N, C-alpha and C. Protein backbone atom coordinates (compact mmCIF):
# COMPACT_ATOMS: atom_id res chain seq x y z
N MET A 1 0.67 -1.55 0.22
CA MET A 1 -0.18 -0.01 -0.06
C MET A 1 0.80 1.39 0.00
N ALA A 2 0.65 2.26 -0.59
CA ALA A 2 1.15 3.52 -0.97
C ALA A 2 1.11 4.68 0.08
N PRO A 3 1.90 5.38 0.51
CA PRO A 3 1.63 6.31 1.58
C PRO A 3 0.46 7.39 0.56
N PRO A 4 -0.19 7.98 1.84
CA PRO A 4 -1.10 8.82 1.20
C PRO A 4 -0.85 10.50 0.41
N LYS A 5 -1.31 10.65 -0.11
CA LYS A 5 -0.77 11.83 -1.31
C LYS A 5 -1.28 13.11 -0.07
N VAL A 6 -0.03 13.80 0.90
CA VAL A 6 -0.56 15.08 0.98
C VAL A 6 0.46 16.57 0.98
N ARG A 7 -0.67 17.36 0.33
CA ARG A 7 -0.14 18.33 0.17
C ARG A 7 -1.09 20.33 0.61
N PHE A 8 -0.02 21.19 0.89
CA PHE A 8 -0.17 21.97 1.26
C PHE A 8 -1.09 23.16 -0.03
N LEU A 9 -2.61 23.20 0.06
CA LEU A 9 -2.90 24.58 -0.90
C LEU A 9 -2.42 25.54 -0.53
N THR A 10 -2.44 26.13 0.58
CA THR A 10 -1.90 27.60 0.83
C THR A 10 -0.32 27.17 0.39
N ARG A 11 0.53 28.78 -0.10
CA ARG A 11 1.82 28.36 -0.16
C ARG A 11 2.16 28.63 0.84
N ILE A 12 3.24 28.07 1.41
CA ILE A 12 4.06 27.81 2.68
C ILE A 12 5.64 28.02 2.70
N TYR A 13 6.39 29.36 3.24
CA TYR A 13 7.69 29.40 2.97
C TYR A 13 7.93 28.54 4.23
N HIS A 14 8.73 27.57 3.53
CA HIS A 14 9.08 26.11 4.49
C HIS A 14 10.28 25.58 4.23
N PRO A 15 11.28 25.31 4.18
CA PRO A 15 12.47 24.47 3.38
C PRO A 15 12.09 23.06 3.44
N ASN A 16 10.99 22.44 4.06
CA ASN A 16 10.34 20.88 3.38
C ASN A 16 9.25 20.78 2.81
N ILE A 17 8.86 21.84 2.49
CA ILE A 17 7.41 22.20 1.46
C ILE A 17 7.68 23.02 0.28
N ASP A 18 7.80 22.43 -0.83
CA ASP A 18 8.04 23.42 -2.26
C ASP A 18 6.76 23.85 -2.53
N LYS A 19 7.05 24.54 -3.70
CA LYS A 19 5.91 25.49 -4.35
C LYS A 19 5.03 24.89 -4.56
N LEU A 20 4.72 23.86 -4.93
CA LEU A 20 3.28 23.05 -5.23
C LEU A 20 2.85 22.39 -3.87
N GLY A 21 2.99 22.57 -2.75
CA GLY A 21 2.66 21.95 -1.73
C GLY A 21 3.03 21.05 -1.00
N ARG A 22 3.93 20.03 -1.51
CA ARG A 22 4.41 18.49 -1.50
C ARG A 22 5.29 18.58 -0.24
N ILE A 23 5.05 17.90 0.28
CA ILE A 23 5.56 17.72 1.85
C ILE A 23 7.10 17.08 1.83
N CYS A 24 8.08 16.83 2.45
CA CYS A 24 9.47 16.22 2.18
C CYS A 24 9.39 15.83 4.00
N LEU A 25 8.37 14.38 4.08
CA LEU A 25 8.51 13.95 5.25
C LEU A 25 8.60 12.52 5.27
N ASP A 26 9.61 11.73 5.77
CA ASP A 26 10.06 10.65 5.71
C ASP A 26 8.70 9.28 5.76
N ILE A 27 7.81 9.47 6.88
CA ILE A 27 6.68 8.62 7.17
C ILE A 27 5.69 8.78 5.73
N LEU A 28 5.97 9.86 5.04
CA LEU A 28 4.92 10.01 3.88
C LEU A 28 5.96 9.36 2.76
N LYS A 29 7.04 8.82 2.81
CA LYS A 29 7.66 8.49 1.89
C LYS A 29 7.99 7.03 2.17
N ASP A 30 9.30 6.79 2.52
CA ASP A 30 9.89 5.16 2.67
C ASP A 30 10.05 4.88 3.71
N LYS A 31 9.28 5.84 5.16
CA LYS A 31 8.80 4.91 6.39
C LYS A 31 7.69 4.69 5.92
N TRP A 32 6.52 4.81 5.48
CA TRP A 32 5.28 4.61 5.28
C TRP A 32 5.45 3.01 5.83
N SER A 33 4.08 2.89 6.15
CA SER A 33 3.15 1.74 7.06
C SER A 33 1.89 2.21 7.26
N PRO A 34 1.20 0.91 6.33
CA PRO A 34 0.06 1.50 6.72
C PRO A 34 -0.76 1.08 8.03
N ALA A 35 -0.12 0.50 8.88
CA ALA A 35 0.07 0.63 10.42
C ALA A 35 -0.41 2.08 10.98
N LEU A 36 0.07 3.27 9.92
CA LEU A 36 0.37 4.22 10.39
C LEU A 36 -1.18 4.83 10.81
N GLN A 37 -1.45 5.59 11.89
CA GLN A 37 -2.69 6.27 11.61
C GLN A 37 -2.65 8.02 11.25
N ILE A 38 -3.83 8.35 11.14
CA ILE A 38 -4.12 9.69 10.25
C ILE A 38 -3.31 10.91 11.31
N ARG A 39 -3.64 10.57 12.85
CA ARG A 39 -3.31 11.49 13.82
C ARG A 39 -1.99 11.45 13.67
N THR A 40 -0.74 10.14 13.63
CA THR A 40 0.43 10.21 13.68
C THR A 40 1.00 10.51 12.69
N VAL A 41 0.32 10.52 11.30
CA VAL A 41 0.24 11.66 10.05
C VAL A 41 0.46 12.74 10.68
N LEU A 42 -0.88 13.46 10.75
CA LEU A 42 -0.75 15.07 11.24
C LEU A 42 0.06 15.54 12.00
N LEU A 43 -0.01 14.54 13.07
CA LEU A 43 1.34 15.06 14.48
C LEU A 43 2.94 15.32 13.77
N SER A 44 2.99 14.47 12.82
CA SER A 44 4.68 14.63 12.34
C SER A 44 4.23 16.08 11.28
N ILE A 45 3.41 15.78 10.51
CA ILE A 45 3.76 17.34 10.01
C ILE A 45 3.56 18.32 10.76
N GLN A 46 2.70 18.89 11.71
CA GLN A 46 2.75 19.84 13.01
C GLN A 46 4.51 19.94 13.40
N ALA A 47 4.88 18.61 13.64
CA ALA A 47 5.66 18.86 14.37
C ALA A 47 7.39 19.76 13.34
N LEU A 48 7.03 18.97 11.89
CA LEU A 48 8.12 19.48 10.79
C LEU A 48 7.90 21.07 10.46
N LEU A 49 6.40 21.47 10.84
CA LEU A 49 6.09 22.72 10.81
C LEU A 49 6.49 23.23 11.39
N SER A 50 6.87 23.04 12.81
CA SER A 50 7.48 23.47 14.32
C SER A 50 8.65 23.93 13.99
N ALA A 51 9.31 22.77 13.76
CA ALA A 51 10.90 22.80 13.42
C ALA A 51 11.64 21.81 12.20
N PRO A 52 11.69 22.74 11.32
CA PRO A 52 11.94 22.74 9.87
C PRO A 52 13.63 21.85 10.01
N ASN A 53 13.80 21.30 9.03
CA ASN A 53 14.90 20.21 8.49
C ASN A 53 15.45 20.80 7.50
N PRO A 54 16.12 22.16 7.75
CA PRO A 54 16.84 22.56 6.27
C PRO A 54 17.98 21.98 5.82
N ASP A 55 17.97 20.74 6.67
CA ASP A 55 19.53 19.56 5.63
C ASP A 55 18.87 18.87 5.00
N ASP A 56 17.53 18.69 4.46
CA ASP A 56 16.22 17.90 4.00
C ASP A 56 15.64 18.42 3.07
N PRO A 57 15.82 19.80 2.33
CA PRO A 57 14.85 20.59 1.70
C PRO A 57 14.63 20.10 0.55
N LEU A 58 13.13 20.12 0.45
CA LEU A 58 12.56 20.73 -0.75
C LEU A 58 12.65 21.91 -1.84
N ALA A 59 12.83 22.66 -1.16
CA ALA A 59 12.91 24.36 -1.09
C ALA A 59 14.12 24.72 -1.41
N ASN A 60 15.44 24.10 -1.93
CA ASN A 60 16.68 24.55 -1.65
C ASN A 60 16.90 26.35 -1.36
N ASP A 61 16.23 27.07 -2.15
CA ASP A 61 16.24 28.50 -1.78
C ASP A 61 16.33 29.08 -0.39
N VAL A 62 14.48 28.15 0.26
CA VAL A 62 14.34 28.54 1.59
C VAL A 62 15.65 27.85 2.35
N ALA A 63 15.44 26.62 2.09
CA ALA A 63 16.76 26.00 3.41
C ALA A 63 18.17 26.75 3.45
N ASP A 64 18.81 27.38 2.30
CA ASP A 64 19.63 28.47 2.58
C ASP A 64 19.23 29.53 3.03
N HIS A 65 18.04 30.29 3.05
CA HIS A 65 17.78 31.46 3.88
C HIS A 65 17.84 30.77 5.22
N TRP A 66 17.29 29.58 5.58
CA TRP A 66 16.96 29.28 6.64
C TRP A 66 18.34 28.94 7.31
N LYS A 67 19.54 28.32 6.97
CA LYS A 67 21.01 28.18 7.25
C LYS A 67 21.30 29.60 7.43
N THR A 68 21.33 30.31 6.88
CA THR A 68 22.28 31.49 6.83
C THR A 68 21.56 32.53 8.08
N ASP A 69 20.44 32.74 7.99
CA ASP A 69 19.77 33.76 8.44
C ASP A 69 17.98 33.15 8.92
N GLU A 70 18.10 32.50 9.92
CA GLU A 70 16.91 31.69 10.42
C GLU A 70 16.07 32.72 10.79
N ALA A 71 16.60 33.91 11.74
CA ALA A 71 15.11 34.71 12.05
C ALA A 71 15.11 35.21 10.82
N GLY A 72 15.34 36.01 9.49
CA GLY A 72 15.10 36.21 8.62
C GLY A 72 14.13 35.05 7.76
N ALA A 73 14.13 34.43 7.86
CA ALA A 73 13.43 33.05 7.42
C ALA A 73 12.00 32.85 8.07
N VAL A 74 11.83 33.28 9.07
CA VAL A 74 10.89 33.14 10.03
C VAL A 74 10.48 34.24 9.73
N GLN A 75 10.73 35.52 9.54
CA GLN A 75 9.87 36.75 9.56
C GLN A 75 9.52 36.44 7.46
N THR A 76 10.03 36.22 6.98
CA THR A 76 9.83 36.16 5.74
C THR A 76 8.55 35.21 5.54
N GLY A 77 8.32 34.12 6.31
CA GLY A 77 6.98 33.30 5.94
C GLY A 77 6.34 33.44 6.54
N MET A 78 6.48 34.63 7.97
CA MET A 78 5.10 35.24 8.54
C MET A 78 4.23 36.36 7.78
N PHE A 79 4.71 36.84 6.68
CA PHE A 79 4.60 37.44 5.65
C PHE A 79 4.41 37.54 4.37
N LEU A 80 4.81 36.05 3.97
CA LEU A 80 4.49 35.77 2.39
C LEU A 80 3.18 35.59 2.16
N ILE A 81 2.51 36.19 1.39
CA ILE A 81 1.29 35.75 0.82
C ILE A 81 1.14 34.64 -0.50
């Protein structure tokens, strides 16, 4: 069984989410198991939003910004529409 296709419809400035809203998260790829509950998937996405991983990016430009100026990247994300 394949992992669910999860993406954001709203644009998000985040190193692990690309411009199409796709999410770079291990449990949505190689660590997927049909035994995982939707609660686990949603909590994992929430954790990723709270603690981005710029070392495994989908958006390289955002990851570079995050690595060089985390406060600036957070500020950009707050006001990007």
